[in-house]
Amino acid sequence: TKNDILLLSYLSAEPGANDPIESAVRFAAENDLEILKSRPNKHEVPGYKVTGFVPFNPNTKMSNATVVINETNEVFRVAKGAPQVIIKLVGGNDDAVHAVNTLAGRGLRALGVARTIPGDLETYELVGMITLLDPPRPDSAETIRRCNEYGVEVKMITGDQLIIAKEVAHRLGMSRVILDAGHLVDPEKSEEEVTQHCERADGFAQVIPEHKYRVVELLQKRGLLVGMTGDGVNDAPALKKANVGIAVHGCTDAARSAADIVLLAPGLSTIVDGITTSRAIFQRMR
């Protein structure tokens, strides 16, 4: 049921994490579940005890919790993460794949939730999907349009699935030539071929942090100047590598120290101001 999904995803959400997805999951569960509304201690879930927790990892794309049911002392594990990862974990599920694609077509992200079957801590079964709306910032489309006017090409790099990336690209007025990040590290392709893919694509989906660095590296080898935006610890190497690293609003200290420009307000429109200002300076120097 909906309540099962909310309870299990709450148990596998990191408490106090400054992560928008974890906050959304916790908020939804706390607003809907009676068991969480009336509890005396805000840090406990009545009847359950979380004994182990592995936070979300960008490489595995999931978080994991080990939970004990107090009454029966039964132990089970919950996994919550990217739908393709969770579907693989439970050994495939065609209904789930269909549901995720249908949601993606409407621009909704999905998050899979699975738990282990009683008496076996290694075999997972699917509980269901949580849907999240993660729209682009209101100023993104305008920023991309203005960058293109100035001759700056914009590429989108996202950890989301391909189908969602295409939908978002479409909404932002970009073309839908989005590649799976696997193209960047395909051992069967020559460096030259991969670089061509990288140049022609409008973006990459299902990336892990290393891929971002790879994109910057390939484009720079082509003699292009690359600007890169990012906010997380794992964006820091790519920000450092880029000709201009731009840390966005609310970024981590690691990203801030690796970047050349730090945006203090939400949104990306300031980047265009950076382009116009630097061009004005350059003209004056000339």
C-alpha atoms as a PDB file:
ATOM      1  CA  THR A   1       0.000   0.000   0.000  1.00  0.00           C
ATOM      2  CA  LYS A   2       0.940   3.668  -0.159  1.00  0.00           C
ATOM      3  CA  ASN A   3       1.589   3.568   3.597  1.00  0.00           C
ATOM      4  CA  ASP A   4       3.994   0.621   3.243  1.00  0.00           C
ATOM      5  CA  ILE A   5       6.012   2.491   0.651  1.00  0.00           C
ATOM      6  CA  LEU A   6       6.108   5.658   2.761  1.00  0.00           C
ATOM      7  CA  LEU A   7       7.098   3.815   5.933  1.00  0.00           C
ATOM      8  CA  LEU A   8       9.847   1.794   4.262  1.00  0.00           C
ATOM      9  CA  SER A   9      11.230   4.763   2.378  1.00  0.00           C
ATOM     10  CA  TYR A  10      11.214   6.749   5.630  1.00  0.00           C
ATOM     11  CA  LEU A  11      13.212   4.006   7.359  1.00  0.00           C
ATOM     12  CA  SER A  12      15.781   4.128   4.548  1.00  0.00           C
ATOM     13  CA  ALA A  13      15.993   7.936   4.374  1.00  0.00           C
ATOM     14  CA  GLU A  14      18.981   9.603   5.956  1.00  0.00           C
ATOM     15  CA  PRO A  15      17.938  11.623   9.010  1.00  0.00           C
ATOM     16  CA  GLY A  16      19.088  15.221   8.968  1.00  0.00           C
ATOM     17  CA  ALA A  17      20.590  14.914   5.472  1.00  0.00           C
ATOM     18  CA  ASN A  18      20.643  18.149   3.541  1.00  0.00           C
ATOM     19  CA  ASP A  19      19.409  16.284   0.478  1.00  0.00           C
ATOM     20  CA  PRO A  20      16.243  17.478  -1.287  1.00  0.00           C
ATOM     21  CA  ILE A  21      15.097  13.945  -2.127  1.00  0.00           C
ATOM     22  CA  GLU A  22      15.576  12.610   1.420  1.00  0.00           C
ATOM     23  CA  SER A  23      13.818  15.695   2.825  1.00  0.00           C
ATOM     24  CA  ALA A  24      10.880  15.222   0.442  1.00  0.00           C
ATOM     25  CA  VAL A  25      10.544  11.537   1.376  1.00  0.00           C
ATOM     26  CA  ARG A  26      10.669  12.253   5.113  1.00  0.00           C
ATOM     27  CA  PHE A  27       8.225  15.149   4.811  1.00  0.00           C
ATOM     28  CA  ALA A  28       5.718  13.046   2.840  1.00  0.00           C
ATOM     29  CA  ALA A  29       5.896  10.188   5.349  1.00  0.00           C
ATOM     30  CA  GLU A  30       5.594  12.461   8.392  1.00  0.00           C
ATOM     31  CA  ASN A  31       2.534  14.195   6.906  1.00  0.00           C
ATOM     32  CA  ASP A  32       0.721  11.005   5.904  1.00  0.00           C
ATOM     33  CA  LEU A  33       1.498   8.292   8.419  1.00  0.00           C
ATOM     34  CA  GLU A  34      -0.404   8.238  11.723  1.00  0.00           C
ATOM     35  CA  ILE A  35       2.396   6.187  13.328  1.00  0.00           C
ATOM     36  CA  LEU A  36       4.839   9.076  12.727  1.00  0.00           C
ATOM     37  CA  LYS A  37       2.474  11.895  13.694  1.00  0.00           C
ATOM     38  CA  SER A  38       1.815  10.765  17.261  1.00  0.00           C
ATOM     39  CA  ARG A  39       5.253   9.457  18.228  1.00  0.00           C
ATOM     40  CA  PRO A  40       6.809  10.790  21.451  1.00  0.00           C
ATOM     41  CA  ASN A  41      10.392  10.745  20.144  1.00  0.00           C
ATOM     42  CA  LYS A  42      10.985  12.428  16.777  1.00  0.00           C
ATOM     43  CA  HIS A  43      14.115  10.306  16.173  1.00  0.00           C
ATOM     44  CA  GLU A  44      12.411   6.916  16.422  1.00  0.00           C
ATOM     45  CA  VAL A  45       9.794   5.027  14.471  1.00  0.00           C
ATOM     46  CA  PRO A  46       7.481   3.212  16.924  1.00  0.00           C
ATOM     47  CA  GLY A  47       7.875  -0.563  16.593  1.00  0.00           C
ATOM     48  CA  TYR A  48      11.031  -0.417  14.484  1.00  0.00           C
ATOM     49  CA  LYS A  49      14.722   0.112  15.106  1.00  0.00           C
ATOM     50  CA  VAL A  50      17.210   0.972  12.370  1.00  0.00           C
ATOM     51  CA  THR A  51      20.438  -0.877  13.218  1.00  0.00           C
ATOM     52  CA  GLY A  52      22.471  -0.150  10.089  1.00  0.00           C
ATOM     53  CA  PHE A  53      22.448   2.503   7.410  1.00  0.00           C
ATOM     54  CA  VAL A  54      24.410   3.043   4.187  1.00  0.00           C
ATOM     55  CA  PRO A  55      23.761   6.554   2.828  1.00  0.00           C
ATOM     56  CA  PHE A  56      23.041   7.262  -0.827  1.00  0.00           C
ATOM     57  CA  ASN A  57      26.112   6.726  -2.965  1.00  0.00           C
ATOM     58  CA  PRO A  58      26.293   8.322  -6.460  1.00  0.00           C
ATOM     59  CA  ASN A  59      28.063   5.228  -7.831  1.00  0.00           C
ATOM     60  CA  THR A  60      25.588   2.596  -6.614  1.00  0.00           C
ATOM     61  CA  LYS A  61      22.692   5.100  -6.844  1.00  0.00           C
ATOM     62  CA  MET A  62      20.916   3.795  -3.748  1.00  0.00           C
ATOM     63  CA  SER A  63      20.738   3.950   0.053  1.00  0.00           C
ATOM     64  CA  ASN A  64      20.288   0.932   2.303  1.00  0.00           C
ATOM     65  CA  ALA A  65      18.950   0.393   5.817  1.00  0.00           C
ATOM     66  CA  THR A  66      18.890  -2.647   8.110  1.00  0.00           C
ATOM     67  CA  VAL A  67      15.797  -2.647  10.339  1.00  0.00           C
ATOM     68  CA  VAL A  68      14.626  -4.740  13.315  1.00  0.00           C
ATOM     69  CA  ILE A  69      10.925  -5.201  14.066  1.00  0.00           C
ATOM     70  CA  ASN A  70      10.773  -4.809  17.866  1.00  0.00           C
ATOM     71  CA  GLU A  71       7.888  -7.230  18.530  1.00  0.00           C
ATOM     72  CA  THR A  72       9.267 -10.235  16.673  1.00  0.00           C
ATOM     73  CA  ASN A  73      12.982  -9.322  16.501  1.00  0.00           C
ATOM     74  CA  GLU A  74      12.768 -10.041  12.775  1.00  0.00           C
ATOM     75  CA  VAL A  75      15.489  -8.300  10.731  1.00  0.00           C
ATOM     76  CA  PHE A  76      14.994  -7.025   7.186  1.00  0.00           C
ATOM     77  CA  ARG A  77      16.736  -4.615   4.831  1.00  0.00           C
ATOM     78  CA  VAL A  78      15.311  -1.788   2.746  1.00  0.00           C
ATOM     79  CA  ALA A  79      16.881  -0.371  -0.402  1.00  0.00           C
ATOM     80  CA  LYS A  80      15.785   2.894  -1.962  1.00  0.00           C
ATOM     81  CA  GLY A  81      17.247   4.412  -5.090  1.00  0.00           C
ATOM     82  CA  ALA A  82      17.252   4.945  -8.837  1.00  0.00           C
ATOM     83  CA  PRO A  83      14.519   2.841 -10.450  1.00  0.00           C
ATOM     84  CA  GLN A  84      16.820   1.010 -12.876  1.00  0.00           C
ATOM     85  CA  VAL A  85      19.082   0.008  -9.959  1.00  0.00           C
ATOM     86  CA  ILE A  86      16.217  -1.212  -7.757  1.00  0.00           C
ATOM     87  CA  ILE A  87      14.565  -3.109 -10.632  1.00  0.00           C
ATOM     88  CA  LYS A  88      17.870  -4.871 -11.272  1.00  0.00           C
ATOM     89  CA  LEU A  89      18.221  -5.617  -7.545  1.00  0.00           C
ATOM     90  CA  VAL A  90      14.875  -7.460  -7.469  1.00  0.00           C
ATOM     91  CA  GLY A  91      15.766  -9.397 -10.626  1.00  0.00           C
ATOM     92  CA  GLY A  92      13.697  -7.408 -13.124  1.00  0.00           C
ATOM     93  CA  ASN A  93      10.042  -6.367 -13.213  1.00  0.00           C
ATOM     94  CA  ASP A  94       8.300  -5.417 -16.475  1.00  0.00           C
ATOM     95  CA  ASP A  95       5.390  -3.630 -14.776  1.00  0.00           C
ATOM     96  CA  ALA A  96       7.842  -1.427 -12.898  1.00  0.00           C
ATOM     97  CA  VAL A  97       9.793  -0.590 -16.067  1.00  0.00           C
ATOM     98  CA  HIS A  98       6.551   0.366 -17.791  1.00  0.00           C
ATOM     99  CA  ALA A  99       5.441   2.506 -14.831  1.00  0.00           C
ATOM    100  CA  VAL A 100       8.786   4.343 -14.688  1.00  0.00           C
ATOM    101  CA  ASN A 101       8.680   5.096 -18.427  1.00  0.00           C
ATOM    102  CA  THR A 102       5.076   6.315 -18.231  1.00  0.00           C
ATOM    103  CA  LEU A 103       5.983   8.639 -15.350  1.00  0.00           C
ATOM    104  CA  ALA A 104       9.085   9.875 -17.172  1.00  0.00           C
ATOM    105  CA  GLY A 105       6.985  10.752 -20.207  1.00  0.00           C
ATOM    106  CA  ARG A 106       5.092  13.142 -17.898  1.00  0.00           C
ATOM    107  CA  GLY A 107       8.378  14.542 -16.596  1.00  0.00           C
ATOM    108  CA  LEU A 108       8.155  12.778 -13.220  1.00  0.00           C
ATOM    109  CA  ARG A 109      11.150  11.095 -11.634  1.00  0.00           C
ATOM    110  CA  ALA A 110      10.661   7.799  -9.871  1.00  0.00           C
ATOM    111  CA  LEU A 111      12.457   6.333  -6.891  1.00  0.00           C
ATOM    112  CA  GLY A 112      12.310   2.580  -6.345  1.00  0.00           C
ATOM    113  CA  VAL A 113      11.800   1.003  -2.922  1.00  0.00           C
ATOM    114  CA  ALA A 114      12.531  -2.682  -2.220  1.00  0.00           C
ATOM    115  CA  ARG A 115      12.766  -4.825   0.914  1.00  0.00           C
ATOM    116  CA  THR A 116      14.186  -8.259   1.639  1.00  0.00           C
ATOM    117  CA  ILE A 117      11.853 -11.253   1.920  1.00  0.00           C
ATOM    118  CA  PRO A 118      11.365 -12.731   5.427  1.00  0.00           C
ATOM    119  CA  GLY A 119      14.239 -14.945   6.535  1.00  0.00           C
ATOM    120  CA  ASP A 120      16.625 -13.945   3.749  1.00  0.00           C
ATOM    121  CA  LEU A 121      18.731 -10.778   3.877  1.00  0.00           C
ATOM    122  CA  GLU A 122      19.983 -11.050   0.301  1.00  0.00           C
ATOM    123  CA  THR A 123      16.808 -11.516  -1.773  1.00  0.00           C
ATOM    124  CA  TYR A 124      14.843  -8.316  -2.389  1.00  0.00           C
ATOM    125  CA  GLU A 125      11.275  -7.866  -3.564  1.00  0.00           C
ATOM    126  CA  LEU A 126       9.877  -4.664  -5.050  1.00  0.00           C
ATOM    127  CA  VAL A 127       7.604  -2.628  -2.777  1.00  0.00           C
ATOM    128  CA  GLY A 128       6.843   0.140  -5.246  1.00  0.00           C
ATOM    129  CA  MET A 129       7.801   3.503  -6.679  1.00  0.00           C
ATOM    130  CA  ILE A 130       7.767   6.991  -5.212  1.00  0.00           C
ATOM    131  CA  THR A 131       7.238   9.796  -7.718  1.00  0.00           C
ATOM    132  CA  LEU A 132       9.023  13.117  -7.505  1.00  0.00           C
ATOM    133  CA  LEU A 133       8.544  16.280  -9.499  1.00  0.00           C
ATOM    134  CA  ASP A 134      11.918  17.858 -10.144  1.00  0.00           C
ATOM    135  CA  PRO A 135      11.327  20.685 -12.603  1.00  0.00           C
ATOM    136  CA  PRO A 136      14.190  22.738 -14.044  1.00  0.00           C
ATOM    137  CA  ARG A 137      14.663  26.147 -12.405  1.00  0.00           C
ATOM    138  CA  PRO A 138      12.348  28.781 -13.900  1.00  0.00           C
ATOM    139  CA  ASP A 139      15.252  30.750 -15.376  1.00  0.00           C
ATOM    140  CA  SER A 140      17.056  27.768 -16.958  1.00  0.00           C
ATOM    141  CA  ALA A 141      15.393  27.867 -20.392  1.00  0.00           C
ATOM    142  CA  GLU A 142      16.054  31.607 -20.740  1.00  0.00           C
ATOM    143  CA  THR A 143      19.689  31.176 -19.627  1.00  0.00           C
ATOM    144  CA  ILE A 144      20.274  28.431 -22.211  1.00  0.00           C
ATOM    145  CA  ARG A 145      18.669  30.521 -24.953  1.00  0.00           C
ATOM    146  CA  ARG A 146      20.856  33.541 -24.109  1.00  0.00           C
ATOM    147  CA  CYS A 147      24.020  31.406 -23.912  1.00  0.00           C
ATOM    148  CA  ASN A 148      23.276  30.022 -27.374  1.00  0.00           C
ATOM    149  CA  GLU A 149      22.801  33.573 -28.683  1.00  0.00           C
ATOM    150  CA  TYR A 150      26.308  34.390 -27.454  1.00  0.00           C
ATOM    151  CA  GLY A 151      27.668  31.334 -29.236  1.00  0.00           C
ATOM    152  CA  VAL A 152      28.103  29.296 -26.057  1.00  0.00           C
ATOM    153  CA  GLU A 153      26.947  25.713 -26.486  1.00  0.00           C
ATOM    154  CA  VAL A 154      25.115  24.208 -23.522  1.00  0.00           C
ATOM    155  CA  LYS A 155      25.214  20.520 -22.602  1.00  0.00           C
ATOM    156  CA  MET A 156      23.202  18.895 -19.837  1.00  0.00           C
ATOM    157  CA  ILE A 157      24.818  16.267 -17.617  1.00  0.00           C
ATOM    158  CA  THR A 158      22.456  14.428 -15.286  1.00  0.00           C
ATOM    159  CA  GLY A 159      22.259  11.291 -13.176  1.00  0.00           C
ATOM    160  CA  ASP A 160      18.617  10.877 -14.248  1.00  0.00           C
ATOM    161  CA  GLN A 161      17.414   8.253 -16.679  1.00  0.00           C
ATOM    162  CA  LEU A 162      17.643   8.882 -20.403  1.00  0.00           C
ATOM    163  CA  ILE A 163      13.909   9.263 -20.945  1.00  0.00           C
ATOM    164  CA  ILE A 164      13.615  11.961 -18.260  1.00  0.00           C
ATOM    165  CA  ALA A 165      16.703  13.772 -19.528  1.00  0.00           C
ATOM    166  CA  LYS A 166      15.124  13.947 -23.001  1.00  0.00           C
ATOM    167  CA  GLU A 167      11.868  15.287 -21.586  1.00  0.00           C
ATOM    168  CA  VAL A 168      13.682  17.989 -19.573  1.00  0.00           C
ATOM    169  CA  ALA A 169      15.890  18.910 -22.558  1.00  0.00           C
ATOM    170  CA  HIS A 170      12.765  19.331 -24.654  1.00  0.00           C
ATOM    171  CA  ARG A 171      11.205  21.625 -22.052  1.00  0.00           C
ATOM    172  CA  LEU A 172      14.354  23.735 -21.959  1.00  0.00           C
ATOM    173  CA  GLY A 173      14.291  24.200 -25.721  1.00  0.00           C
ATOM    174  CA  MET A 174      17.381  22.024 -26.290  1.00  0.00           C
ATOM    175  CA  SER A 175      17.463  19.217 -28.849  1.00  0.00           C
ATOM    176  CA  ARG A 176      16.923  15.718 -27.567  1.00  0.00           C
ATOM    177  CA  VAL A 177      20.290  14.297 -28.600  1.00  0.00           C
ATOM    178  CA  ILE A 178      21.009  12.915 -25.138  1.00  0.00           C
ATOM    179  CA  LEU A 179      23.357   9.942 -24.834  1.00  0.00           C
ATOM    180  CA  ASP A 180      23.656   7.334 -22.144  1.00  0.00           C
ATOM    181  CA  ALA A 181      26.854   7.951 -20.147  1.00  0.00           C
ATOM    182  CA  GLY A 182      28.032   4.467 -21.139  1.00  0.00           C
ATOM    183  CA  HIS A 183      29.083   6.041 -24.460  1.00  0.00           C
ATOM    184  CA  LEU A 184      31.822   7.968 -22.643  1.00  0.00           C
ATOM    185  CA  VAL A 185      33.615   4.874 -21.394  1.00  0.00           C
ATOM    186  CA  ASP A 186      32.814   2.386 -24.143  1.00  0.00           C
ATOM    187  CA  PRO A 187      36.002   0.299 -24.515  1.00  0.00           C
ATOM    188  CA  GLU A 188      35.091  -0.639 -28.091  1.00  0.00           C
ATOM    189  CA  LYS A 189      35.150   2.946 -29.320  1.00  0.00           C
ATOM    190  CA  SER A 190      38.292   4.913 -30.112  1.00  0.00           C
ATOM    191  CA  GLU A 191      39.068   8.108 -28.188  1.00  0.00           C
ATOM    192  CA  GLU A 192      38.364  10.016 -31.419  1.00  0.00           C
ATOM    193  CA  GLU A 193      34.894   8.490 -31.766  1.00  0.00           C
ATOM    194  CA  VAL A 194      34.006   9.159 -28.132  1.00  0.00           C
ATOM    195  CA  THR A 195      35.152  12.780 -28.516  1.00  0.00           C
ATOM    196  CA  GLN A 196      32.912  13.204 -31.556  1.00  0.00           C
ATOM    197  CA  HIS A 197      29.921  11.828 -29.620  1.00  0.00           C
ATOM    198  CA  CYS A 198      30.759  14.186 -26.794  1.00  0.00           C
ATOM    199  CA  GLU A 199      30.912  17.208 -29.106  1.00  0.00           C
ATOM    200  CA  ARG A 200      27.682  16.450 -30.928  1.00  0.00           C
ATOM    201  CA  ALA A 201      25.526  15.439 -27.976  1.00  0.00           C
ATOM    202  CA  ASP A 202      23.292  17.924 -26.158  1.00  0.00           C
ATOM    203  CA  GLY A 203      23.748  16.034 -22.947  1.00  0.00           C
ATOM    204  CA  PHE A 204      24.374  12.819 -21.084  1.00  0.00           C
ATOM    205  CA  ALA A 205      22.126  10.848 -18.763  1.00  0.00           C
ATOM    206  CA  GLN A 206      22.720   8.250 -16.031  1.00  0.00           C
ATOM    207  CA  VAL A 207      26.172   9.672 -15.337  1.00  0.00           C
ATOM    208  CA  ILE A 208      28.289   8.925 -12.297  1.00  0.00           C
ATOM    209  CA  PRO A 209      30.685  11.615 -10.992  1.00  0.00           C
ATOM    210  CA  GLU A 210      33.735  10.389 -12.955  1.00  0.00           C
ATOM    211  CA  HIS A 211      31.873  10.914 -16.230  1.00  0.00           C
ATOM    212  CA  LYS A 212      31.654  14.677 -15.638  1.00  0.00           C
ATOM    213  CA  TYR A 213      35.410  14.949 -15.494  1.00  0.00           C
ATOM    214  CA  ARG A 214      35.650  12.860 -18.653  1.00  0.00           C
ATOM    215  CA  VAL A 215      33.328  15.198 -20.583  1.00  0.00           C
ATOM    216  CA  VAL A 216      35.423  18.243 -19.626  1.00  0.00           C
ATOM    217  CA  GLU A 217      38.627  16.411 -20.525  1.00  0.00           C
ATOM    218  CA  LEU A 218      37.428  15.291 -23.975  1.00  0.00           C
ATOM    219  CA  LEU A 219      36.125  18.727 -24.933  1.00  0.00           C
ATOM    220  CA  GLN A 220      39.325  20.428 -23.771  1.00  0.00           C
ATOM    221  CA  LYS A 221      41.447  18.058 -25.882  1.00  0.00           C
ATOM    222  CA  ARG A 222      39.448  19.370 -28.841  1.00  0.00           C
ATOM    223  CA  GLY A 223      40.752  22.841 -27.999  1.00  0.00           C
ATOM    224  CA  LEU A 224      37.405  24.068 -26.660  1.00  0.00           C
ATOM    225  CA  LEU A 225      37.046  26.266 -23.591  1.00  0.00           C
ATOM    226  CA  VAL A 226      34.772  24.570 -21.089  1.00  0.00           C
ATOM    227  CA  GLY A 227      32.708  26.049 -18.289  1.00  0.00           C
ATOM    228  CA  MET A 228      31.169  23.614 -15.798  1.00  0.00           C
ATOM    229  CA  THR A 229      28.509  24.082 -13.133  1.00  0.00           C
ATOM    230  CA  GLY A 230      28.143  21.857 -10.085  1.00  0.00           C
ATOM    231  CA  ASP A 231      27.279  21.812  -6.396  1.00  0.00           C
ATOM    232  CA  GLY A 232      28.531  18.587  -4.821  1.00  0.00           C
ATOM    233  CA  VAL A 233      31.735  17.144  -3.442  1.00  0.00           C
ATOM    234  CA  ASN A 234      31.896  14.789  -6.419  1.00  0.00           C
ATOM    235  CA  ASP A 235      31.652  17.715  -8.870  1.00  0.00           C
ATOM    236  CA  ALA A 236      34.831  19.273  -7.470  1.00  0.00           C
ATOM    237  CA  PRO A 237      37.328  17.473  -9.790  1.00  0.00           C
ATOM    238  CA  ALA A 238      35.349  18.492 -12.896  1.00  0.00           C
ATOM    239  CA  LEU A 239      34.997  22.084 -11.637  1.00  0.00           C
ATOM    240  CA  LYS A 240      38.740  22.247 -11.043  1.00  0.00           C
ATOM    241  CA  LYS A 241      39.510  20.742 -14.457  1.00  0.00           C
ATOM    242  CA  ALA A 242      37.204  23.052 -16.415  1.00  0.00           C
ATOM    243  CA  ASN A 243      38.508  26.387 -17.741  1.00  0.00           C
ATOM    244  CA  VAL A 244      35.792  28.051 -15.697  1.00  0.00           C
ATOM    245  CA  GLY A 245      34.289  26.136 -12.784  1.00  0.00           C
ATOM    246  CA  ILE A 246      31.004  27.595 -11.538  1.00  0.00           C
ATOM    247  CA  ALA A 247      29.721  26.539  -8.117  1.00  0.00           C
ATOM    248  CA  VAL A 248      25.970  27.105  -7.907  1.00  0.00           C
ATOM    249  CA  HIS A 249      23.940  28.443  -4.983  1.00  0.00           C
ATOM    250  CA  GLY A 250      23.852  26.200  -1.919  1.00  0.00           C
ATOM    251  CA  CYS A 251      26.910  24.204  -2.967  1.00  0.00           C
ATOM    252  CA  THR A 252      29.240  22.262  -0.702  1.00  0.00           C
ATOM    253  CA  ASP A 253      32.537  23.749   0.533  1.00  0.00           C
ATOM    254  CA  ALA A 254      34.488  21.357  -1.700  1.00  0.00           C
ATOM    255  CA  ALA A 255      32.720  22.629  -4.809  1.00  0.00           C
ATOM    256  CA  ARG A 256      33.158  26.223  -3.677  1.00  0.00           C
ATOM    257  CA  SER A 257      36.908  25.914  -3.198  1.00  0.00           C
ATOM    258  CA  ALA A 258      37.400  24.129  -6.553  1.00  0.00           C
ATOM    259  CA  ALA A 259      35.404  26.701  -8.537  1.00  0.00           C
ATOM    260  CA  ASP A 260      36.439  29.982 -10.170  1.00  0.00           C
ATOM    261  CA  ILE A 261      33.009  31.572  -9.842  1.00  0.00           C
ATOM    262  CA  VAL A 262      30.577  31.057  -6.948  1.00  0.00           C
ATOM    263  CA  LEU A 263      26.906  31.958  -7.477  1.00  0.00           C
ATOM    264  CA  LEU A 264      25.300  33.347  -4.325  1.00  0.00           C
ATOM    265  CA  ALA A 265      21.692  33.406  -5.525  1.00  0.00           C
ATOM    266  CA  PRO A 266      19.569  30.483  -6.767  1.00  0.00           C
ATOM    267  CA  GLY A 267      19.312  29.995 -10.517  1.00  0.00           C
ATOM    268  CA  LEU A 268      21.760  30.127 -13.394  1.00  0.00           C
ATOM    269  CA  SER A 269      20.941  33.417 -15.115  1.00  0.00           C
ATOM    270  CA  THR A 270      23.978  35.094 -13.501  1.00  0.00           C
ATOM    271  CA  ILE A 271      26.233  32.952 -15.722  1.00  0.00           C
ATOM    272  CA  VAL A 272      25.170  35.028 -18.722  1.00  0.00           C
ATOM    273  CA  ASP A 273      26.164  38.199 -16.831  1.00  0.00           C
ATOM    274  CA  GLY A 274      29.573  36.598 -16.372  1.00  0.00           C
ATOM    275  CA  ILE A 275      29.858  36.029 -20.126  1.00  0.00           C
ATOM    276  CA  THR A 276      28.861  39.604 -21.040  1.00  0.00           C
ATOM    277  CA  THR A 277      31.096  41.182 -18.379  1.00  0.00           C
ATOM    278  CA  SER A 278      34.143  39.140 -19.356  1.00  0.00           C
ATOM    279  CA  ARG A 279      33.599  39.969 -23.032  1.00  0.00           C
ATOM    280  CA  ALA A 280      33.370  43.662 -22.206  1.00  0.00           C
ATOM    281  CA  ILE A 281      36.668  43.435 -20.293  1.00  0.00           C
ATOM    282  CA  PHE A 282      38.264  41.559 -23.177  1.00  0.00           C
ATOM    283  CA  GLN A 283      37.120  44.184 -25.701  1.00  0.00           C
ATOM    284  CA  ARG A 284      38.571  46.973 -23.574  1.00  0.00           C
ATOM    285  CA  MET A 285      41.876  45.143 -23.297  1.00  0.00           C
ATOM    286  CA  ARG A 286      42.010  44.777 -27.059  1.00  0.00           C
END
